[in-house]
Amino acid sequence: MGHLSTHVLDTAHGCPAAGMQVSLQRLEGAAWVTLRELTLNHDGRAEGPLLDAASMAAGRYRLLFAVAPYFRGRGVQLPDPPFIDTVQLDFGMADAQGHYHVPLLVSPWSYSTYRGS
């Protein structure tokens, strides 16, 4: 059974990015369509999968992580404009039955991601 999930860790503070806003989009034709907008929980995760098995489809997807608002909310003084405002991760899902986990490690000055398990 396929599903899509994410997990965000705040590497500047050494904790989950609780409260970060995230949007999930899918490319439909030439337009990006928003499928979900959510706030990460106390563990830096969405409540449940971003896409469950019934909603999974092969295609191109995008996750938008509101990084600067999250760090400003934590009291971090950021320049205007911030070095990292929104992290945009474009990725493909070729197997609608697969499990896709997209973790993000982020600070106000850097980020990294990978296909998790």
PDB file of N, CA and C in Angstrom:
ATOM      1  N   MET A   1       0.830  -1.185   0.000  1.00  0.00           N
ATOM      2  CA  MET A   1       0.000   0.000   0.000  1.00  0.00           C
ATOM      3  C   MET A   1       0.869   1.239   0.000  1.00  0.00           C
ATOM      4  N   GLY A   2       0.688   2.073  -0.993  1.00  0.00           N
ATOM      5  CA  GLY A   2       1.492   3.273  -1.110  1.00  0.00           C
ATOM      6  C   GLY A   2       0.997   4.394  -0.225  1.00  0.00           C
ATOM      7  N   HIS A   3       1.912   5.283   0.101  1.00  0.00           N
ATOM      8  CA  HIS A   3       1.547   6.533   0.748  1.00  0.00           C
ATOM      9  C   HIS A   3       2.731   7.494   0.714  1.00  0.00           C
ATOM     10  N   LEU A   4       2.443   8.757   0.958  1.00  0.00           N
ATOM     11  CA  LEU A   4       3.438   9.818   0.971  1.00  0.00           C
ATOM     12  C   LEU A   4       3.470  10.444   2.352  1.00  0.00           C
ATOM     13  N   SER A   5       4.681  10.647   2.884  1.00  0.00           N
ATOM     14  CA  SER A   5       4.827  11.276   4.199  1.00  0.00           C
ATOM     15  C   SER A   5       6.028  12.217   4.187  1.00  0.00           C
ATOM     16  N   THR A   6       6.107  13.054   5.205  1.00  0.00           N
ATOM     17  CA  THR A   6       7.235  13.960   5.376  1.00  0.00           C
ATOM     18  C   THR A   6       7.540  14.096   6.857  1.00  0.00           C
ATOM     19  N   HIS A   7       8.739  14.584   7.148  1.00  0.00           N
ATOM     20  CA  HIS A   7       9.183  14.826   8.517  1.00  0.00           C
ATOM     21  C   HIS A   7      10.206  15.952   8.432  1.00  0.00           C
ATOM     22  N   VAL A   8      10.029  17.004   9.233  1.00  0.00           N
ATOM     23  CA  VAL A   8      10.943  18.141   9.177  1.00  0.00           C
ATOM     24  C   VAL A   8      11.634  18.304  10.523  1.00  0.00           C
ATOM     25  N   LEU A   9      12.963  18.374  10.463  1.00  0.00           N
ATOM     26  CA  LEU A   9      13.771  18.610  11.654  1.00  0.00           C
ATOM     27  C   LEU A   9      14.453  19.959  11.552  1.00  0.00           C
ATOM     28  N   ASP A  10      14.341  20.728  12.609  1.00  0.00           N
ATOM     29  CA  ASP A  10      14.962  22.047  12.751  1.00  0.00           C
ATOM     30  C   ASP A  10      16.383  21.806  13.260  1.00  0.00           C
ATOM     31  N   THR A  11      17.375  21.912  12.367  1.00  0.00           N
ATOM     32  CA  THR A  11      18.753  21.621  12.754  1.00  0.00           C
ATOM     33  C   THR A  11      19.398  22.774  13.518  1.00  0.00           C
ATOM     34  N   ALA A  12      18.816  23.957  13.460  1.00  0.00           N
ATOM     35  CA  ALA A  12      19.346  25.094  14.224  1.00  0.00           C
ATOM     36  C   ALA A  12      19.063  24.936  15.715  1.00  0.00           C
ATOM     37  N   HIS A  13      17.906  24.365  16.046  1.00  0.00           N
ATOM     38  CA  HIS A  13      17.505  24.194  17.441  1.00  0.00           C
ATOM     39  C   HIS A  13      17.585  22.741  17.905  1.00  0.00           C
ATOM     40  N   GLY A  14      17.844  21.819  16.968  1.00  0.00           N
ATOM     41  CA  GLY A  14      17.951  20.406  17.331  1.00  0.00           C
ATOM     42  C   GLY A  14      16.638  19.783  17.762  1.00  0.00           C
ATOM     43  N   CYS A  15      15.565  20.097  17.021  1.00  0.00           N
ATOM     44  CA  CYS A  15      14.243  19.596  17.403  1.00  0.00           C
ATOM     45  C   CYS A  15      13.354  19.458  16.172  1.00  0.00           C
ATOM     46  N   PRO A  16      12.202  18.788  16.299  1.00  0.00           N
ATOM     47  CA  PRO A  16      11.239  18.757  15.197  1.00  0.00           C
ATOM     48  C   PRO A  16      10.715  20.163  14.911  1.00  0.00           C
ATOM     49  N   ALA A  17      10.356  20.410  13.662  1.00  0.00           N
ATOM     50  CA  ALA A  17       9.851  21.724  13.246  1.00  0.00           C
ATOM     51  C   ALA A  17       8.344  21.814  13.479  1.00  0.00           C
ATOM     52  N   ALA A  18       7.944  21.710  14.735  1.00  0.00           N
ATOM     53  CA  ALA A  18       6.532  21.775  15.103  1.00  0.00           C
ATOM     54  C   ALA A  18       5.946  23.126  14.722  1.00  0.00           C
ATOM     55  N   GLY A  19       4.800  23.101  14.057  1.00  0.00           N
ATOM     56  CA  GLY A  19       4.121  24.328  13.684  1.00  0.00           C
ATOM     57  C   GLY A  19       4.459  24.854  12.305  1.00  0.00           C
ATOM     58  N   MET A  20       5.413  24.238  11.605  1.00  0.00           N
ATOM     59  CA  MET A  20       5.748  24.702  10.256  1.00  0.00           C
ATOM     60  C   MET A  20       4.580  24.433   9.310  1.00  0.00           C
ATOM     61  N   GLN A  21       4.320  25.389   8.437  1.00  0.00           N
ATOM     62  CA  GLN A  21       3.277  25.252   7.423  1.00  0.00           C
ATOM     63  C   GLN A  21       3.858  24.571   6.189  1.00  0.00           C
ATOM     64  N   VAL A  22       3.086  23.639   5.620  1.00  0.00           N
ATOM     65  CA  VAL A  22       3.515  22.877   4.449  1.00  0.00           C
ATOM     66  C   VAL A  22       2.352  22.797   3.469  1.00  0.00           C
ATOM     67  N   SER A  23       2.680  22.899   2.179  1.00  0.00           N
ATOM     68  CA  SER A  23       1.689  22.701   1.123  1.00  0.00           C
ATOM     69  C   SER A  23       2.159  21.570   0.218  1.00  0.00           C
ATOM     70  N   LEU A  24       1.225  20.742  -0.212  1.00  0.00           N
ATOM     71  CA  LEU A  24       1.496  19.674  -1.166  1.00  0.00           C
ATOM     72  C   LEU A  24       0.768  20.004  -2.457  1.00  0.00           C
ATOM     73  N   GLN A  25       1.504  19.944  -3.570  1.00  0.00           N
ATOM     74  CA  GLN A  25       0.916  20.224  -4.876  1.00  0.00           C
ATOM     75  C   GLN A  25       1.233  19.089  -5.844  1.00  0.00           C
ATOM     76  N   ARG A  26       0.386  18.957  -6.874  1.00  0.00           N
ATOM     77  CA  ARG A  26       0.615  17.993  -7.954  1.00  0.00           C
ATOM     78  C   ARG A  26       0.524  18.749  -9.278  1.00  0.00           C
ATOM     79  N   LEU A  27       1.403  18.394 -10.203  1.00  0.00           N
ATOM     80  CA  LEU A  27       1.367  18.994 -11.532  1.00  0.00           C
ATOM     81  C   LEU A  27       0.271  18.330 -12.345  1.00  0.00           C
ATOM     82  N   GLU A  28      -0.692  19.124 -12.761  1.00  0.00           N
ATOM     83  CA  GLU A  28      -1.796  18.638 -13.590  1.00  0.00           C
ATOM     84  C   GLU A  28      -1.797  19.461 -14.867  1.00  0.00           C
ATOM     85  N   GLY A  29      -1.363  18.840 -15.959  1.00  0.00           N
ATOM     86  CA  GLY A  29      -1.171  19.586 -17.206  1.00  0.00           C
ATOM     87  C   GLY A  29       0.012  20.520 -17.023  1.00  0.00           C
ATOM     88  N   ALA A  30      -0.226  21.810 -17.188  1.00  0.00           N
ATOM     89  CA  ALA A  30       0.832  22.806 -17.011  1.00  0.00           C
ATOM     90  C   ALA A  30       0.697  23.567 -15.693  1.00  0.00           C
ATOM     91  N   ALA A  31      -0.257  23.184 -14.846  1.00  0.00           N
ATOM     92  CA  ALA A  31      -0.534  23.942 -13.618  1.00  0.00           C
ATOM     93  C   ALA A  31      -0.285  23.104 -12.375  1.00  0.00           C
ATOM     94  N   TRP A  32       0.233  23.767 -11.345  1.00  0.00           N
ATOM     95  CA  TRP A  32       0.387  23.136 -10.036  1.00  0.00           C
ATOM     96  C   TRP A  32      -0.915  23.319  -9.265  1.00  0.00           C
ATOM     97  N   VAL A  33      -1.470  22.209  -8.795  1.00  0.00           N
ATOM     98  CA  VAL A  33      -2.735  22.215  -8.059  1.00  0.00           C
ATOM     99  C   VAL A  33      -2.439  21.837  -6.607  1.00  0.00           C
ATOM    100  N   THR A  34      -2.915  22.663  -5.668  1.00  0.00           N
ATOM    101  CA  THR A  34      -2.708  22.386  -4.246  1.00  0.00           C
ATOM    102  C   THR A  34      -3.652  21.279  -3.795  1.00  0.00           C
ATOM    103  N   LEU A  35      -3.052  20.224  -3.242  1.00  0.00           N
ATOM    104  CA  LEU A  35      -3.829  19.090  -2.733  1.00  0.00           C
ATOM    105  C   LEU A  35      -4.103  19.215  -1.242  1.00  0.00           C
ATOM    106  N   ARG A  36      -3.117  19.749  -0.514  1.00  0.00           N
ATOM    107  CA  ARG A  36      -3.241  19.878   0.946  1.00  0.00           C
ATOM    108  C   ARG A  36      -2.413  21.043   1.431  1.00  0.00           C
ATOM    109  N   GLU A  37      -2.896  21.667   2.480  1.00  0.00           N
ATOM    110  CA  GLU A  37      -2.135  22.643   3.255  1.00  0.00           C
ATOM    111  C   GLU A  37      -2.263  22.208   4.702  1.00  0.00           C
ATOM    112  N   LEU A  38      -1.144  22.175   5.411  1.00  0.00           N
ATOM    113  CA  LEU A  38      -1.189  21.637   6.760  1.00  0.00           C
ATOM    114  C   LEU A  38      -0.133  22.280   7.638  1.00  0.00           C
ATOM    115  N   THR A  39      -0.288  22.038   8.938  1.00  0.00           N
ATOM    116  CA  THR A  39       0.671  22.465   9.947  1.00  0.00           C
ATOM    117  C   THR A  39       1.264  21.218  10.573  1.00  0.00           C
ATOM    118  N   LEU A  40       2.596  21.173  10.649  1.00  0.00           N
ATOM    119  CA  LEU A  40       3.260  20.006  11.220  1.00  0.00           C
ATOM    120  C   LEU A  40       2.997  19.907  12.718  1.00  0.00           C
ATOM    121  N   ASN A  41       2.870  18.692  13.211  1.00  0.00           N
ATOM    122  CA  ASN A  41       2.568  18.462  14.627  1.00  0.00           C
ATOM    123  C   ASN A  41       3.815  18.590  15.510  1.00  0.00           C
ATOM    124  N   HIS A  42       3.693  18.247  16.766  1.00  0.00           N
ATOM    125  CA  HIS A  42       4.772  18.387  17.755  1.00  0.00           C
ATOM    126  C   HIS A  42       6.023  17.597  17.382  1.00  0.00           C
ATOM    127  N   ASP A  43       5.861  16.581  16.527  1.00  0.00           N
ATOM    128  CA  ASP A  43       6.987  15.748  16.101  1.00  0.00           C
ATOM    129  C   ASP A  43       7.517  16.164  14.727  1.00  0.00           C
ATOM    130  N   GLY A  44       7.036  17.289  14.178  1.00  0.00           N
ATOM    131  CA  GLY A  44       7.482  17.755  12.868  1.00  0.00           C
ATOM    132  C   GLY A  44       6.921  16.937  11.717  1.00  0.00           C
ATOM    133  N   ARG A  45       5.776  16.301  11.953  1.00  0.00           N
ATOM    134  CA  ARG A  45       5.150  15.442  10.944  1.00  0.00           C
ATOM    135  C   ARG A  45       3.714  15.889  10.688  1.00  0.00           C
ATOM    136  N   ALA A  46       3.198  15.455   9.536  1.00  0.00           N
ATOM    137  CA  ALA A  46       1.773  15.632   9.257  1.00  0.00           C
ATOM    138  C   ALA A  46       1.000  14.610  10.077  1.00  0.00           C
ATOM    139  N   GLU A  47      -0.210  14.952  10.446  1.00  0.00           N
ATOM    140  CA  GLU A  47      -1.086  13.976  11.094  1.00  0.00           C
ATOM    141  C   GLU A  47      -1.580  13.035  10.003  1.00  0.00           C
ATOM    142  N   GLY A  48      -1.079  11.816   9.986  1.00  0.00           N
ATOM    143  CA  GLY A  48      -1.419  10.864   8.939  1.00  0.00           C
ATOM    144  C   GLY A  48      -0.611  11.126   7.687  1.00  0.00           C
ATOM    145  N   PRO A  49      -0.801  10.304   6.655  1.00  0.00           N
ATOM    146  CA  PRO A  49      -0.030  10.482   5.424  1.00  0.00           C
ATOM    147  C   PRO A  49      -0.465  11.732   4.658  1.00  0.00           C
ATOM    148  N   LEU A  50       0.465  12.297   3.899  1.00  0.00           N
ATOM    149  CA  LEU A  50       0.115  13.418   3.020  1.00  0.00           C
ATOM    150  C   LEU A  50      -0.822  12.943   1.914  1.00  0.00           C
ATOM    151  N   LEU A  51      -0.541  11.754   1.411  1.00  0.00           N
ATOM    152  CA  LEU A  51      -1.424  11.066   0.472  1.00  0.00           C
ATOM    153  C   LEU A  51      -1.567   9.635   0.961  1.00  0.00           C
ATOM    154  N   ASP A  52      -2.783   9.149   1.054  1.00  0.00           N
ATOM    155  CA  ASP A  52      -2.988   7.759   1.439  1.00  0.00           C
ATOM    156  C   ASP A  52      -3.037   6.889   0.181  1.00  0.00           C
ATOM    157  N   ALA A  53      -3.173   5.592   0.361  1.00  0.00           N
ATOM    158  CA  ALA A  53      -3.135   4.647  -0.757  1.00  0.00           C
ATOM    159  C   ALA A  53      -4.195   4.973  -1.815  1.00  0.00           C
ATOM    160  N   ALA A  54      -5.356   5.407  -1.391  1.00  0.00           N
ATOM    161  CA  ALA A  54      -6.437   5.701  -2.339  1.00  0.00           C
ATOM    162  C   ALA A  54      -6.150   6.955  -3.161  1.00  0.00           C
ATOM    163  N   SER A  55      -5.328   7.866  -2.638  1.00  0.00           N
ATOM    164  CA  SER A  55      -5.043   9.132  -3.315  1.00  0.00           C
ATOM    165  C   SER A  55      -3.744   9.114  -4.116  1.00  0.00           C
ATOM    166  N   MET A  56      -2.967   8.045  -3.956  1.00  0.00           N
ATOM    167  CA  MET A  56      -1.672   7.975  -4.631  1.00  0.00           C
ATOM    168  C   MET A  56      -1.854   7.852  -6.141  1.00  0.00           C
ATOM    169  N   ALA A  57      -1.019   8.578  -6.871  1.00  0.00           N
ATOM    170  CA  ALA A  57      -0.987   8.488  -8.332  1.00  0.00           C
ATOM    171  C   ALA A  57       0.422   8.826  -8.781  1.00  0.00           C
ATOM    172  N   ALA A  58       0.889   8.140  -9.790  1.00  0.00           N
ATOM    173  CA  ALA A  58       2.193   8.478 -10.354  1.00  0.00           C
ATOM    174  C   ALA A  58       2.124   9.905 -10.895  1.00  0.00           C
ATOM    175  N   GLY A  59       3.222  10.628 -10.796  1.00  0.00           N
ATOM    176  CA  GLY A  59       3.238  11.989 -11.320  1.00  0.00           C
ATOM    177  C   GLY A  59       4.300  12.842 -10.662  1.00  0.00           C
ATOM    178  N   ARG A  60       4.238  14.125 -10.954  1.00  0.00           N
ATOM    179  CA  ARG A  60       5.171  15.112 -10.410  1.00  0.00           C
ATOM    180  C   ARG A  60       4.492  15.866  -9.270  1.00  0.00           C
ATOM    181  N   TYR A  61       5.228  15.993  -8.185  1.00  0.00           N
ATOM    182  CA  TYR A  61       4.691  16.614  -6.973  1.00  0.00           C
ATOM    183  C   TYR A  61       5.632  17.689  -6.474  1.00  0.00           C
ATOM    184  N   ARG A  62       5.116  18.534  -5.609  1.00  0.00           N
ATOM    185  CA  ARG A  62       5.894  19.627  -5.006  1.00  0.00           C
ATOM    186  C   ARG A  62       5.472  19.772  -3.554  1.00  0.00           C
ATOM    187  N   LEU A  63       6.459  19.872  -2.682  1.00  0.00           N
ATOM    188  CA  LEU A  63       6.228  20.245  -1.285  1.00  0.00           C
ATOM    189  C   LEU A  63       6.812  21.624  -1.072  1.00  0.00           C
ATOM    190  N   LEU A  64       6.035  22.498  -0.448  1.00  0.00           N
ATOM    191  CA  LEU A  64       6.462  23.856  -0.112  1.00  0.00           C
ATOM    192  C   LEU A  64       6.487  23.978   1.399  1.00  0.00           C
ATOM    193  N   PHE A  65       7.672  24.233   1.939  1.00  0.00           N
ATOM    194  CA  PHE A  65       7.867  24.347   3.373  1.00  0.00           C
ATOM    195  C   PHE A  65       8.093  25.819   3.719  1.00  0.00           C
ATOM    196  N   ALA A  66       7.256  26.400   4.568  1.00  0.00           N
ATOM    197  CA  ALA A  66       7.351  27.819   4.958  1.00  0.00           C
ATOM    198  C   ALA A  66       8.416  27.973   6.039  1.00  0.00           C
ATOM    199  N   VAL A  67       9.670  28.055   5.621  1.00  0.00           N
ATOM    200  CA  VAL A  67      10.810  28.042   6.529  1.00  0.00           C
ATOM    201  C   VAL A  67      10.969  29.367   7.278  1.00  0.00           C
ATOM    202  N   ALA A  68      11.009  30.489   6.569  1.00  0.00           N
ATOM    203  CA  ALA A  68      11.229  31.780   7.237  1.00  0.00           C
ATOM    204  C   ALA A  68      10.138  32.092   8.259  1.00  0.00           C
ATOM    205  N   PRO A  69       8.852  31.922   7.937  1.00  0.00           N
ATOM    206  CA  PRO A  69       7.832  32.173   8.963  1.00  0.00           C
ATOM    207  C   PRO A  69       8.004  31.283  10.191  1.00  0.00           C
ATOM    208  N   TYR A  70       8.395  30.035   9.971  1.00  0.00           N
ATOM    209  CA  TYR A  70       8.628  29.128  11.097  1.00  0.00           C
ATOM    210  C   TYR A  70       9.738  29.674  12.004  1.00  0.00           C
ATOM    211  N   PHE A  71      10.884  30.030  11.421  1.00  0.00           N
ATOM    212  CA  PHE A  71      11.997  30.504  12.252  1.00  0.00           C
ATOM    213  C   PHE A  71      11.692  31.864  12.887  1.00  0.00           C
ATOM    214  N   ARG A  72      10.999  32.736  12.181  1.00  0.00           N
ATOM    215  CA  ARG A  72      10.598  34.011  12.807  1.00  0.00           C
ATOM    216  C   ARG A  72       9.691  33.747  14.004  1.00  0.00           C
ATOM    217  N   GLY A  73       8.803  32.758  13.862  1.00  0.00           N
ATOM    218  CA  GLY A  73       7.925  32.383  14.966  1.00  0.00           C
ATOM    219  C   GLY A  73       8.673  31.837  16.162  1.00  0.00           C
ATOM    220  N   ARG A  74       9.873  31.342  15.928  1.00  0.00           N
ATOM    221  CA  ARG A  74      10.729  30.838  17.015  1.00  0.00           C
ATOM    222  C   ARG A  74      11.621  31.939  17.571  1.00  0.00           C
ATOM    223  N   GLY A  75      11.462  33.171  17.056  1.00  0.00           N
ATOM    224  CA  GLY A  75      12.230  34.292  17.570  1.00  0.00           C
ATOM    225  C   GLY A  75      13.571  34.517  16.895  1.00  0.00           C
ATOM    226  N   VAL A  76      13.831  33.824  15.799  1.00  0.00           N
ATOM    227  CA  VAL A  76      15.090  34.008  15.081  1.00  0.00           C
ATOM    228  C   VAL A  76      15.014  35.299  14.277  1.00  0.00           C
ATOM    229  N   GLN A  77      16.015  36.158  14.434  1.00  0.00           N
ATOM    230  CA  GLN A  77      16.092  37.408  13.676  1.00  0.00           C
ATOM    231  C   GLN A  77      16.638  37.096  12.292  1.00  0.00           C
ATOM    232  N   LEU A  78      15.809  37.258  11.268  1.00  0.00           N
ATOM    233  CA  LEU A  78      16.199  36.988   9.893  1.00  0.00           C
ATOM    234  C   LEU A  78      16.294  38.295   9.121  1.00  0.00           C
ATOM    235  N   PRO A  79      17.196  38.363   8.141  1.00  0.00           N
ATOM    236  CA  PRO A  79      17.255  39.565   7.306  1.00  0.00           C
ATOM    237  C   PRO A  79      16.021  39.634   6.408  1.00  0.00           C
ATOM    238  N   ASP A  80      15.827  40.787   5.787  1.00  0.00           N
ATOM    239  CA  ASP A  80      14.714  40.959   4.865  1.00  0.00           C
ATOM    240  C   ASP A  80      15.283  41.330   3.500  1.00  0.00           C
ATOM    241  N   PRO A  81      15.236  40.457   2.538  1.00  0.00           N
ATOM    242  CA  PRO A  81      14.578  39.156   2.560  1.00  0.00           C
ATOM    243  C   PRO A  81      15.444  38.104   3.242  1.00  0.00           C
ATOM    244  N   PRO A  82      14.816  37.039   3.750  1.00  0.00           N
ATOM    245  CA  PRO A  82      15.592  35.979   4.395  1.00  0.00           C
ATOM    246  C   PRO A  82      16.388  35.188   3.366  1.00  0.00           C
ATOM    247  N   PHE A  83      17.484  34.591   3.811  1.00  0.00           N
ATOM    248  CA  PHE A  83      18.285  33.764   2.918  1.00  0.00           C
ATOM    249  C   PHE A  83      17.449  32.598   2.382  1.00  0.00           C
ATOM    250  N   ILE A  84      16.737  31.899   3.265  1.00  0.00           N
ATOM    251  CA  ILE A  84      15.812  30.840   2.845  1.00  0.00           C
ATOM    252  C   ILE A  84      14.423  31.238   3.325  1.00  0.00           C
ATOM    253  N   ASP A  85      13.513  31.402   2.380  1.00  0.00           N
ATOM    254  CA  ASP A  85      12.145  31.771   2.716  1.00  0.00           C
ATOM    255  C   ASP A  85      11.264  30.523   2.661  1.00  0.00           C
ATOM    256  N   THR A  86      11.040  30.012   1.479  1.00  0.00           N
ATOM    257  CA  THR A  86      10.266  28.799   1.279  1.00  0.00           C
ATOM    258  C   THR A  86      11.153  27.765   0.612  1.00  0.00           C
ATOM    259  N   VAL A  87      11.200  26.574   1.163  1.00  0.00           N
ATOM    260  CA  VAL A  87      11.903  25.474   0.505  1.00  0.00           C
ATOM    261  C   VAL A  87      10.888  24.788  -0.403  1.00  0.00           C
ATOM    262  N   GLN A  88      11.223  24.736  -1.687  1.00  0.00           N
ATOM    263  CA  GLN A  88      10.376  24.091  -2.687  1.00  0.00           C
ATOM    264  C   GLN A  88      11.076  22.815  -3.136  1.00  0.00           C
ATOM    265  N   LEU A  89      10.429  21.685  -2.876  1.00  0.00           N
ATOM    266  CA  LEU A  89      10.983  20.396  -3.277  1.00  0.00           C
ATOM    267  C   LEU A  89      10.091  19.782  -4.346  1.00  0.00           C
ATOM    268  N   ASP A  90      10.622  19.664  -5.554  1.00  0.00           N
ATOM    269  CA  ASP A  90       9.914  19.017  -6.645  1.00  0.00           C
ATOM    270  C   ASP A  90      10.426  17.588  -6.754  1.00  0.00           C
ATOM    271  N   PHE A  91       9.527  16.645  -6.832  1.00  0.00           N
ATOM    272  CA  PHE A  91       9.919  15.246  -6.894  1.00  0.00           C
ATOM    273  C   PHE A  91       8.886  14.467  -7.697  1.00  0.00           C
ATOM    274  N   GLY A  92       9.297  13.306  -8.160  1.00  0.00           N
ATOM    275  CA  GLY A  92       8.409  12.454  -8.924  1.00  0.00           C
ATOM    276  C   GLY A  92       8.092  11.178  -8.183  1.00  0.00           C
ATOM    277  N   MET A  93       6.889  10.688  -8.410  1.00  0.00           N
ATOM    278  CA  MET A  93       6.487   9.386  -7.880  1.00  0.00           C
ATOM    279  C   MET A  93       6.106   8.524  -9.074  1.00  0.00           C
ATOM    280  N   ALA A  94       6.931   7.508  -9.348  1.00  0.00           N
ATOM    281  CA  ALA A  94       6.699   6.633 -10.491  1.00  0.00           C
ATOM    282  C   ALA A  94       5.809   5.448 -10.135  1.00  0.00           C
ATOM    283  N   ASP A  95       5.772   5.090  -8.865  1.00  0.00           N
ATOM    284  CA  ASP A  95       5.048   3.896  -8.416  1.00  0.00           C
ATOM    285  C   ASP A  95       3.954   4.297  -7.436  1.00  0.00           C
ATOM    286  N   ALA A  96       2.711   4.256  -7.888  1.00  0.00           N
ATOM    287  CA  ALA A  96       1.582   4.644  -7.032  1.00  0.00           C
ATOM    288  C   ALA A  96       1.387   3.680  -5.861  1.00  0.00           C
ATOM    289  N   GLN A  97       2.023   2.524  -5.899  1.00  0.00           N
ATOM    290  CA  GLN A  97       1.941   1.568  -4.801  1.00  0.00           C
ATOM    291  C   GLN A  97       3.108   1.711  -3.840  1.00  0.00           C
ATOM    292  N   GLY A  98       4.043   2.599  -4.140  1.00  0.00           N
ATOM    293  CA  GLY A  98       5.245   2.751  -3.328  1.00  0.00           C
ATOM    294  C   GLY A  98       5.036   3.620  -2.109  1.00  0.00           C
ATOM    295  N   HIS A  99       5.992   3.513  -1.200  1.00  0.00           N
ATOM    296  CA  HIS A  99       6.028   4.391  -0.025  1.00  0.00           C
ATOM    297  C   HIS A  99       7.074   5.461  -0.309  1.00  0.00           C
ATOM    298  N   TYR A 100       6.664   6.718  -0.282  1.00  0.00           N
ATOM    299  CA  TYR A 100       7.552   7.848  -0.502  1.00  0.00           C
ATOM    300  C   TYR A 100       7.595   8.680   0.765  1.00  0.00           C
ATOM    301  N   HIS A 101       8.775   8.793   1.330  1.00  0.00           N
ATOM    302  CA  HIS A 101       8.972   9.611   2.525  1.00  0.00           C
ATOM    303  C   HIS A 101       9.972  10.697   2.159  1.00  0.00           C
ATOM    304  N   VAL A 102       9.592  11.964   2.390  1.00  0.00           N
ATOM    305  CA  VAL A 102      10.419  13.107   2.003  1.00  0.00           C
ATOM    306  C   VAL A 102      10.781  13.901   3.255  1.00  0.00           C
ATOM    307  N   PRO A 103      11.914  13.564   3.890  1.00  0.00           N
ATOM    308  CA  PRO A 103      12.347  14.309   5.065  1.00  0.00           C
ATOM    309  C   PRO A 103      13.049  15.608   4.660  1.00  0.00           C
ATOM    310  N   LEU A 104      12.997  16.582   5.553  1.00  0.00           N
ATOM    311  CA  LEU A 104      13.701  17.849   5.347  1.00  0.00           C
ATOM    312  C   LEU A 104      14.445  18.188   6.626  1.00  0.00           C
ATOM    313  N   LEU A 105      15.726  18.467   6.491  1.00  0.00           N
ATOM    314  CA  LEU A 105      16.551  18.981   7.588  1.00  0.00           C
ATOM    315  C   LEU A 105      16.807  20.440   7.242  1.00  0.00           C
ATOM    316  N   VAL A 106      16.469  21.363   8.151  1.00  0.00           N
ATOM    317  CA  VAL A 106      16.492  22.771   7.764  1.00  0.00           C
ATOM    318  C   VAL A 106      16.947  23.682   8.895  1.00  0.00           C
ATOM    319  N   SER A 107      17.661  24.745   8.504  1.00  0.00           N
ATOM    320  CA  SER A 107      18.009  25.850   9.389  1.00  0.00           C
ATOM    321  C   SER A 107      17.725  27.124   8.590  1.00  0.00           C
ATOM    322  N   PRO A 108      17.917  28.298   9.180  1.00  0.00           N
ATOM    323  CA  PRO A 108      17.699  29.520   8.396  1.00  0.00           C
ATOM    324  C   PRO A 108      18.701  29.699   7.255  1.00  0.00           C
ATOM    325  N   TRP A 109      19.771  28.877   7.235  1.00  0.00           N
ATOM    326  CA  TRP A 109      20.851  29.078   6.271  1.00  0.00           C
ATOM    327  C   TRP A 109      21.132  27.881   5.377  1.00  0.00           C
ATOM    328  N   SER A 110      20.463  26.750   5.635  1.00  0.00           N
ATOM    329  CA  SER A 110      20.732  25.557   4.823  1.00  0.00           C
ATOM    330  C   SER A 110      19.588  24.567   4.945  1.00  0.00           C
ATOM    331  N   TYR A 111      19.549  23.643   3.968  1.00  0.00           N
ATOM    332  CA  TYR A 111      18.609  22.536   4.056  1.00  0.00           C
ATOM    333  C   TYR A 111      19.127  21.359   3.256  1.00  0.00           C
ATOM    334  N   SER A 112      18.641  20.186   3.605  1.00  0.00           N
ATOM    335  CA  SER A 112      18.937  18.977   2.830  1.00  0.00           C
ATOM    336  C   SER A 112      17.730  18.058   2.884  1.00  0.00           C
ATOM    337  N   THR A 113      17.634  17.213   1.879  1.00  0.00           N
ATOM    338  CA  THR A 113      16.540  16.271   1.796  1.00  0.00           C
ATOM    339  C   THR A 113      17.042  15.000   1.131  1.00  0.00           C
ATOM    340  N   TYR A 114      16.238  13.980   1.161  1.00  0.00           N
ATOM    341  CA  TYR A 114      16.565  12.702   0.541  1.00  0.00           C
ATOM    342  C   TYR A 114      15.293  11.874   0.504  1.00  0.00           C
ATOM    343  N   ARG A 115      15.322  10.780  -0.213  1.00  0.00           N
ATOM    344  CA  ARG A 115      14.168   9.879  -0.173  1.00  0.00           C
ATOM    345  C   ARG A 115      14.357   8.967   1.017  1.00  0.00           C
ATOM    346  N   GLY A 116      13.521   9.126   2.004  1.00  0.00           N
ATOM    347  CA  GLY A 116      13.614   8.340   3.222  1.00  0.00           C
ATOM    348  C   GLY A 116      12.932   7.000   3.087  1.00  0.00           C
ATOM    349  N   SER A 117      12.874   6.306   4.200  1.00  0.00           N
ATOM    350  CA  SER A 117      12.251   4.976   4.180  1.00  0.00           C
ATOM    351  C   SER A 117      11.017   4.961   5.066  1.00  0.00           C
TER     352      SER A 117
END
